[in-house]
Amino acid sequence: MKRTTHALLLTTLVLPGLGQIYLGRKISGIILILLVNLLLLLSVAIVLKGAAPIISAQVTSGTISPEDILTGLDSVAGYGRALLIAFALLWGYSIVDILKRDDPGPEQN
């Protein structure tokens, strides 16, 4: 039970998939970590897509207001929400995966 608690803490507080690796389920842990990194990379790409018009406006006019930033990012807000939901589902799956496969680990003498 102690190993499961440590794995659960690693997955919930540090990185989804790290608890699976800690429990010895390396393939599922690596897949979860790769998916988390993919979601983060997509998030950066989406923010940059929304910020591109803002950056170009700042280059041409020299000034930009907070309202301009919010307006530019509104165009990609739906993608951001979808990625946030995907990340939450992935995080939840990694927690449920650890709890449903409660692995007591090697027996201690």
Protein backbone atom coordinates (compact mmCIF):
# COMPACT_ATOMS: atom_id res chain seq x y z
CA MET A 1 0.00 0.00 0.00
CA LYS A 2 2.92 2.33 0.71
CA ARG A 3 4.20 1.96 -2.87
CA THR A 4 0.74 2.78 -4.21
CA THR A 5 0.58 5.90 -2.05
CA HIS A 6 3.99 7.05 -3.28
CA ALA A 7 3.00 6.34 -6.88
CA LEU A 8 -0.26 8.22 -6.42
CA LEU A 9 1.58 11.24 -5.01
CA LEU A 10 4.06 11.19 -7.88
CA THR A 11 1.27 11.05 -10.44
CA THR A 12 -0.98 13.66 -8.86
CA LEU A 13 1.60 16.19 -7.70
CA VAL A 14 4.55 15.81 -10.06
CA LEU A 15 3.72 14.33 -13.46
CA PRO A 16 1.06 11.96 -14.75
CA GLY A 17 2.80 8.69 -15.65
CA LEU A 18 5.58 9.01 -13.11
CA GLY A 19 3.68 6.85 -10.63
CA GLN A 20 3.31 4.11 -13.23
CA ILE A 21 7.06 4.14 -13.81
CA TYR A 22 7.61 4.02 -10.04
CA LEU A 23 5.42 0.91 -9.85
CA GLY A 24 7.37 -0.74 -12.67
CA ARG A 25 4.80 -0.24 -15.42
CA LYS A 26 7.29 1.57 -17.61
CA ILE A 27 5.49 1.37 -20.95
CA SER A 28 2.24 2.88 -19.68
CA GLY A 29 4.18 5.50 -17.70
CA ILE A 30 6.24 6.52 -20.72
CA ILE A 31 3.14 6.71 -22.90
CA LEU A 32 1.39 8.94 -20.36
CA ILE A 33 4.43 11.22 -20.06
CA LEU A 34 4.69 11.46 -23.85
CA LEU A 35 0.98 12.35 -24.08
CA VAL A 36 1.38 15.04 -21.41
CA ASN A 37 4.33 16.51 -23.30
CA LEU A 38 2.36 16.41 -26.55
CA LEU A 39 -0.51 18.30 -24.91
CA LEU A 40 1.92 20.89 -23.53
CA LEU A 41 3.54 21.32 -26.94
CA LEU A 42 0.13 21.75 -28.56
CA SER A 43 -0.75 24.33 -25.90
CA VAL A 44 2.34 26.37 -26.71
CA ALA A 45 1.60 26.16 -30.44
CA ILE A 46 -1.99 27.32 -29.90
CA VAL A 47 -0.95 30.24 -27.69
CA LEU A 48 1.61 31.27 -30.29
CA LYS A 49 -1.04 31.03 -33.01
CA GLY A 50 -3.27 33.35 -31.02
CA ALA A 51 -0.40 35.68 -30.14
CA ALA A 52 0.95 36.02 -33.70
CA PRO A 53 -1.47 38.81 -34.69
CA ILE A 54 -0.74 40.56 -31.41
CA ILE A 55 3.00 40.39 -31.98
CA SER A 56 2.68 41.67 -35.54
CA ALA A 57 0.44 44.53 -34.38
CA GLN A 58 2.99 45.47 -31.76
CA VAL A 59 5.77 45.45 -34.33
CA THR A 60 3.85 47.69 -36.75
CA SER A 61 2.26 50.14 -34.30
CA GLY A 62 4.68 49.97 -31.40
CA THR A 63 1.95 49.74 -28.76
CA ILE A 64 -0.46 47.10 -27.62
CA SER A 65 -3.14 47.10 -24.93
CA PRO A 66 -4.34 44.30 -22.65
CA GLU A 67 -7.63 44.32 -24.55
CA ASP A 68 -5.74 43.56 -27.76
CA ILE A 69 -4.11 40.58 -26.09
CA LEU A 70 -7.43 39.22 -24.87
CA THR A 71 -9.02 39.74 -28.28
CA GLY A 72 -6.17 37.91 -30.00
CA LEU A 73 -6.34 34.98 -27.62
CA ASP A 74 -10.14 34.75 -27.89
CA SER A 75 -9.72 33.22 -31.32
CA VAL A 76 -7.97 30.18 -29.85
CA ALA A 77 -9.92 29.90 -26.58
CA GLY A 78 -11.88 26.85 -27.79
CA TYR A 79 -8.68 24.96 -28.54
CA GLY A 80 -7.35 25.91 -25.13
CA ARG A 81 -10.44 24.56 -23.42
CA ALA A 82 -10.24 21.33 -25.39
CA LEU A 83 -6.59 20.86 -24.41
CA LEU A 84 -7.38 21.60 -20.78
CA ILE A 85 -10.13 18.98 -20.82
CA ALA A 86 -7.81 16.47 -22.53
CA PHE A 87 -5.12 17.11 -19.91
CA ALA A 88 -7.62 16.72 -17.06
CA LEU A 89 -8.88 13.43 -18.54
CA LEU A 90 -5.32 12.16 -18.96
CA TRP A 91 -4.45 13.16 -15.41
CA GLY A 92 -7.61 11.49 -14.09
CA TYR A 93 -6.89 8.35 -16.09
CA SER A 94 -3.38 8.12 -14.64
CA ILE A 95 -4.77 8.36 -11.11
CA VAL A 96 -7.50 5.77 -11.74
CA ASP A 97 -4.92 3.50 -13.41
CA ILE A 98 -2.82 3.47 -10.26
CA LEU A 99 -5.80 2.91 -7.98
CA LYS A 100 -7.39 0.14 -10.02
CA ARG A 101 -4.14 -1.78 -10.37
CA ASP A 102 -3.23 -1.60 -6.71
CA ASP A 103 0.18 -3.28 -6.73
CA PRO A 104 1.45 -4.11 -3.26
CA GLY A 105 4.97 -4.60 -4.62
CA PRO A 106 7.44 -7.21 -3.43
CA GLU A 107 6.62 -8.94 -0.18
CA GLN A 108 8.67 -7.86 2.78
CA ASN A 109 9.98 -10.41 5.26
